[in-house]
Protein backbone atom coordinates (compact mmCIF):
# COMPACT_ATOMS: atom_id res chain seq x y z
CA MET A 1 179.23 4.42 142.48
CA ALA A 2 182.75 5.61 143.33
CA LEU A 3 182.96 5.24 147.10
CA ILE A 4 185.81 6.68 149.13
CA LYS A 5 185.95 4.89 152.47
CA ASN A 6 187.72 5.64 155.73
CA VAL A 7 187.47 9.39 155.59
CA GLU A 8 189.09 10.39 158.86
CA ARG A 9 187.41 13.77 159.15
CA THR A 10 185.53 16.51 157.33
CA LEU A 11 186.27 20.20 157.75
CA THR A 12 183.86 23.10 157.30
CA ILE A 13 184.74 26.78 157.31
CA ASN A 14 182.51 28.60 159.80
CA ALA A 15 180.63 31.76 158.90
CA SER A 16 182.76 34.92 158.51
CA TYR A 17 185.95 32.89 157.95
CA GLY A 18 187.64 31.84 154.71
CA LEU A 19 190.01 29.59 152.81
CA SER A 20 193.09 31.04 154.47
CA ASP A 21 191.70 30.01 157.85
CA LEU A 22 191.12 26.48 156.55
CA LEU A 23 194.67 26.21 155.21
CA THR A 24 196.09 27.56 158.48
CA TYR A 25 194.05 24.98 160.41
CA MET A 26 195.12 22.08 158.19
CA GLY A 27 198.77 23.02 158.67
CA SER A 28 198.49 23.46 162.42
CA GLY A 29 198.17 19.83 163.45
CA ALA A 30 194.91 20.57 165.27
CA THR A 31 192.32 17.79 165.39
CA ALA A 32 189.30 19.33 167.15
CA SER A 33 186.87 22.04 166.08
CA THR A 34 187.91 25.66 166.54
CA THR A 35 186.23 29.04 166.22
CA GLU A 36 187.13 29.04 162.53
CA ILE A 37 186.67 25.38 161.53
CA THR A 38 184.09 22.72 162.42
CA VAL A 39 185.42 19.15 162.38
CA ILE A 40 183.48 15.88 162.25
CA THR A 41 185.81 12.91 162.78
CA GLN A 42 185.75 9.17 163.35
CA GLY A 43 188.72 9.62 165.68
CA LYS A 44 192.03 7.82 165.59
CA GLY A 45 193.73 5.11 167.60
CA THR A 46 192.65 2.09 169.60
CA PRO A 47 188.87 1.89 170.21
CA ASP A 48 187.61 2.05 173.79
CA PRO A 49 187.18 -1.59 174.95
CA THR A 50 183.69 -1.00 176.31
CA TYR A 51 182.14 1.74 174.20
CA LEU A 52 184.08 1.03 170.96
CA TRP A 53 184.61 4.67 169.90
CA LYS A 54 188.08 5.79 168.84
CA PRO A 55 189.82 8.57 170.78
CA GLY A 56 188.67 11.97 169.58
CA ALA A 57 185.59 10.69 167.73
CA SER A 58 182.90 13.34 167.25
CA SER A 59 179.66 12.97 169.15
CA GLY A 60 176.26 13.62 167.66
CA GLY A 61 173.55 13.62 170.27
CA THR A 62 172.41 11.35 173.08
CA PHE A 63 169.45 9.26 174.20
CA TYR A 64 168.10 7.91 177.49
CA THR A 65 169.02 4.35 178.47
CA GLY A 66 166.06 4.05 180.82
CA ARG A 67 168.11 4.00 184.03
CA THR A 68 167.24 6.74 186.50
CA THR A 69 167.87 7.57 190.13
CA ALA A 70 167.12 10.52 192.42
CA LEU A 71 169.67 13.06 193.60
CA MET A 72 170.23 12.82 197.36
CA ASN A 73 172.18 16.06 197.93
CA ASN A 74 171.87 19.65 196.81
CA ILE A 75 174.67 20.62 194.40
CA ASN A 76 175.85 23.87 192.86
CA ALA A 77 177.45 24.46 189.45
CA THR A 78 180.93 23.38 190.60
CA ASP A 79 180.21 20.46 192.94
CA LEU A 80 181.80 17.19 191.81
CA THR A 81 180.04 14.58 193.98
CA LEU A 82 176.42 13.60 193.39
CA GLN A 83 174.74 11.27 195.88
CA ALA A 84 172.11 8.63 195.17
CA ALA A 85 170.28 6.21 197.45
CA PRO A 86 172.33 3.21 198.65
CA GLY A 87 172.29 0.36 196.14
CA THR A 88 170.68 2.28 193.28
CA LEU A 89 173.89 2.49 191.22
CA ALA A 90 174.98 -1.14 191.60
CA GLU A 91 174.46 -1.85 187.88
CA TRP A 92 175.55 1.49 186.46
CA PRO A 93 178.84 1.61 184.51
CA ASN A 94 181.76 3.09 186.43
CA SER A 95 182.01 5.97 183.96
CA GLY A 96 179.51 7.50 181.60
CA TYR A 97 177.05 10.31 181.07
CA ILE A 98 174.06 11.58 183.04
CA TYR A 99 171.48 14.25 182.34
CA PHE A 100 169.20 16.54 184.34
CA THR A 101 166.20 17.76 182.37
CA SER A 102 165.40 20.91 184.37
CA PRO A 103 167.57 22.88 184.53
CA ALA A 104 169.11 21.08 181.54
CA GLU A 105 172.63 19.80 182.14
CA GLY A 106 174.63 16.87 180.82
CA ILE A 107 177.54 15.63 182.94
CA TYR A 108 180.38 13.20 182.30
CA TYR A 109 181.28 11.18 185.41
CA SER A 110 184.43 9.12 185.91
CA ASN A 111 183.74 6.97 188.96
CA ILE A 112 181.03 5.48 191.14
CA ILE A 113 181.69 4.86 194.84
CA ASN A 114 179.30 2.42 196.48
CA TYR A 115 177.56 3.30 199.72
CA GLN A 116 179.70 0.92 201.75
CA ALA A 117 182.88 2.78 200.79
CA SER A 118 181.61 6.36 200.50
CA VAL A 119 181.94 9.10 203.10
CA SER A 120 178.26 10.04 202.82
CA GLY A 121 176.85 6.54 203.26
CA ASN A 122 175.08 6.91 199.90
CA ASP A 123 176.12 5.77 196.45
CA GLU A 124 178.23 8.56 194.95
CA ILE A 125 178.72 9.67 191.34
CA VAL A 126 182.14 11.32 191.07
CA VAL A 127 182.87 13.97 188.44
CA ALA A 128 186.59 14.37 187.79
CA SER A 129 186.65 18.05 186.85
CA VAL A 130 184.45 21.12 186.65
CA SER A 131 185.05 20.95 182.89
CA ASP A 132 182.96 17.75 182.85
CA ARG A 133 179.96 19.67 184.22
CA GLY A 134 177.73 21.22 181.57
CA TRP A 135 178.89 18.75 178.90
CA SER A 136 175.61 19.73 177.30
CA GLY A 137 173.39 22.53 178.52
CA SER A 138 175.02 24.57 181.29
CA ALA A 139 176.56 23.72 184.64
CA THR A 140 174.02 24.77 187.25
CA SER A 141 172.52 23.92 190.65
CA HIS A 142 170.31 20.89 191.24
CA SER A 143 168.21 19.93 194.24
CA ILE A 144 167.44 16.85 196.31
CA ALA A 145 164.96 14.55 194.52
CA ASP A 146 165.85 15.86 191.02
CA VAL A 147 165.92 12.94 188.60
CA ILE A 148 169.32 11.77 187.33
CA ASN A 149 168.94 10.15 183.90
CA GLU A 150 171.63 7.91 182.45
CA ILE A 151 172.26 8.72 178.79
CA THR A 152 174.43 7.18 176.09
CA VAL A 153 176.15 9.13 173.36
CA TRP A 154 176.14 8.77 169.57
CA TYR A 155 179.72 8.74 168.23
CA VAL A 156 180.96 8.74 164.64
CA GLN A 157 182.23 5.27 163.74
CA SER A 158 182.99 5.77 160.04
CA ILE A 159 182.71 8.32 157.24
CA ASN A 160 182.35 7.49 153.53
CA TYR A 161 182.08 9.76 150.51
CA ASP A 162 180.18 8.94 147.31
CA THR A 163 181.94 10.94 144.59
CA VAL A 164 179.09 10.42 142.09
CA SER A 165 176.22 11.69 144.24
CA GLY A 166 178.45 14.05 146.21
CA ILE A 167 177.07 12.68 149.48
CA PHE A 168 178.96 12.11 152.72
CA ASN A 169 177.57 9.28 154.84
CA PHE A 170 178.32 9.37 158.57
CA SER A 171 177.79 6.12 160.46
CA TYR A 172 177.06 6.77 164.14
CA PHE A 173 176.80 4.21 166.91
CA ALA A 174 176.11 4.12 170.63
CA ARG A 175 176.56 1.43 173.24
CA GLU A 176 175.11 0.80 176.66
CA ALA A 177 177.21 -0.64 179.49
CA TYR A 178 176.64 -2.00 182.99
CA ARG A 179 178.29 -3.57 186.01
CA VAL A 180 177.20 -6.38 188.30
CA ASN A 181 177.00 -5.32 191.95
CA TYR A 182 179.49 -2.47 191.37
CA LEU A 183 182.21 -4.91 190.29
CA ALA A 184 184.68 -4.13 187.49
CA PRO A 185 184.86 -4.25 184.56
CA ASP A 186 182.20 -2.30 182.72
CA ILE A 187 180.38 -4.79 180.47
CA GLY A 188 179.31 -3.74 177.00
CA GLY A 189 175.58 -4.04 176.35
CA LYS A 190 173.30 -3.19 173.43
CA VAL A 191 174.82 -1.47 170.41
CA TYR A 192 172.77 1.01 168.37
CA SER A 193 173.60 2.37 164.91
CA GLN A 194 172.39 5.30 162.85
CA ASP A 195 173.36 6.66 159.42
CA ARG A 196 173.27 10.35 158.54
CA SER A 197 173.89 11.66 155.02
CA PHE A 198 174.82 15.21 154.03
CA SER A 199 175.58 16.96 150.77
CA GLY A 200 179.26 17.33 150.01
CA SER A 201 178.63 21.03 149.34
CA LEU A 202 178.36 21.53 153.10
CA PHE A 203 182.03 20.65 153.58
CA ASN A 204 185.14 22.45 152.42
CA ALA A 205 187.69 19.66 152.82
CA TYR A 206 188.17 16.09 154.02
CA GLU A 207 191.14 13.95 155.03
CA LEU A 208 191.58 10.23 154.42
CA VAL A 209 192.92 7.35 156.43
CA GLU A 210 193.15 5.46 153.16
CA GLU A 211 191.22 5.38 149.89
CA SER A 212 189.32 2.32 148.75
CA ALA A 213 189.36 0.90 145.24
CA THR A 214 186.68 2.62 143.12
């Protein structure tokens, strides 16, 4: 087996586009997916100290951690503060992802304010920007007593290419995190891994960090 390790990213030309679009993309310095090109990448730079993913790493789905709480205020599609009962978020990480099942919406939050410091007197989940609403699904309204589910995200950790079989192997991982009584820092918990393999014919190009010995 001739294995090329540390593939930084794969690039696929989207339907109705062509090689010229790929070449333009590769010369542009862009790193994320565009209308013309779909990118899967392990990211680049220093890994996050808690969640271990590199900046820019592609995500590939989510799963429930088992933590839930109930929404304590009605919110619309642009509201950035979600309330929960006092004390219920004491062990939640200070930043992370949550999900409403109906209507479906994933949200990235950047801060938790405990009930003793919040204006509302409840625990508060703070979303930094409207762009963090509808991370998956669509930003929409939610009502008091709707269930807030904590989720964790699968991120690409590494990409390898077997030149004999023509298979790309994507190694994904996810990590849970928690706090103790709201106190910093976020503490890394269980780590999960998952491998996904795809035919090389699905990709039009790839870029290397470095090439291994074959």
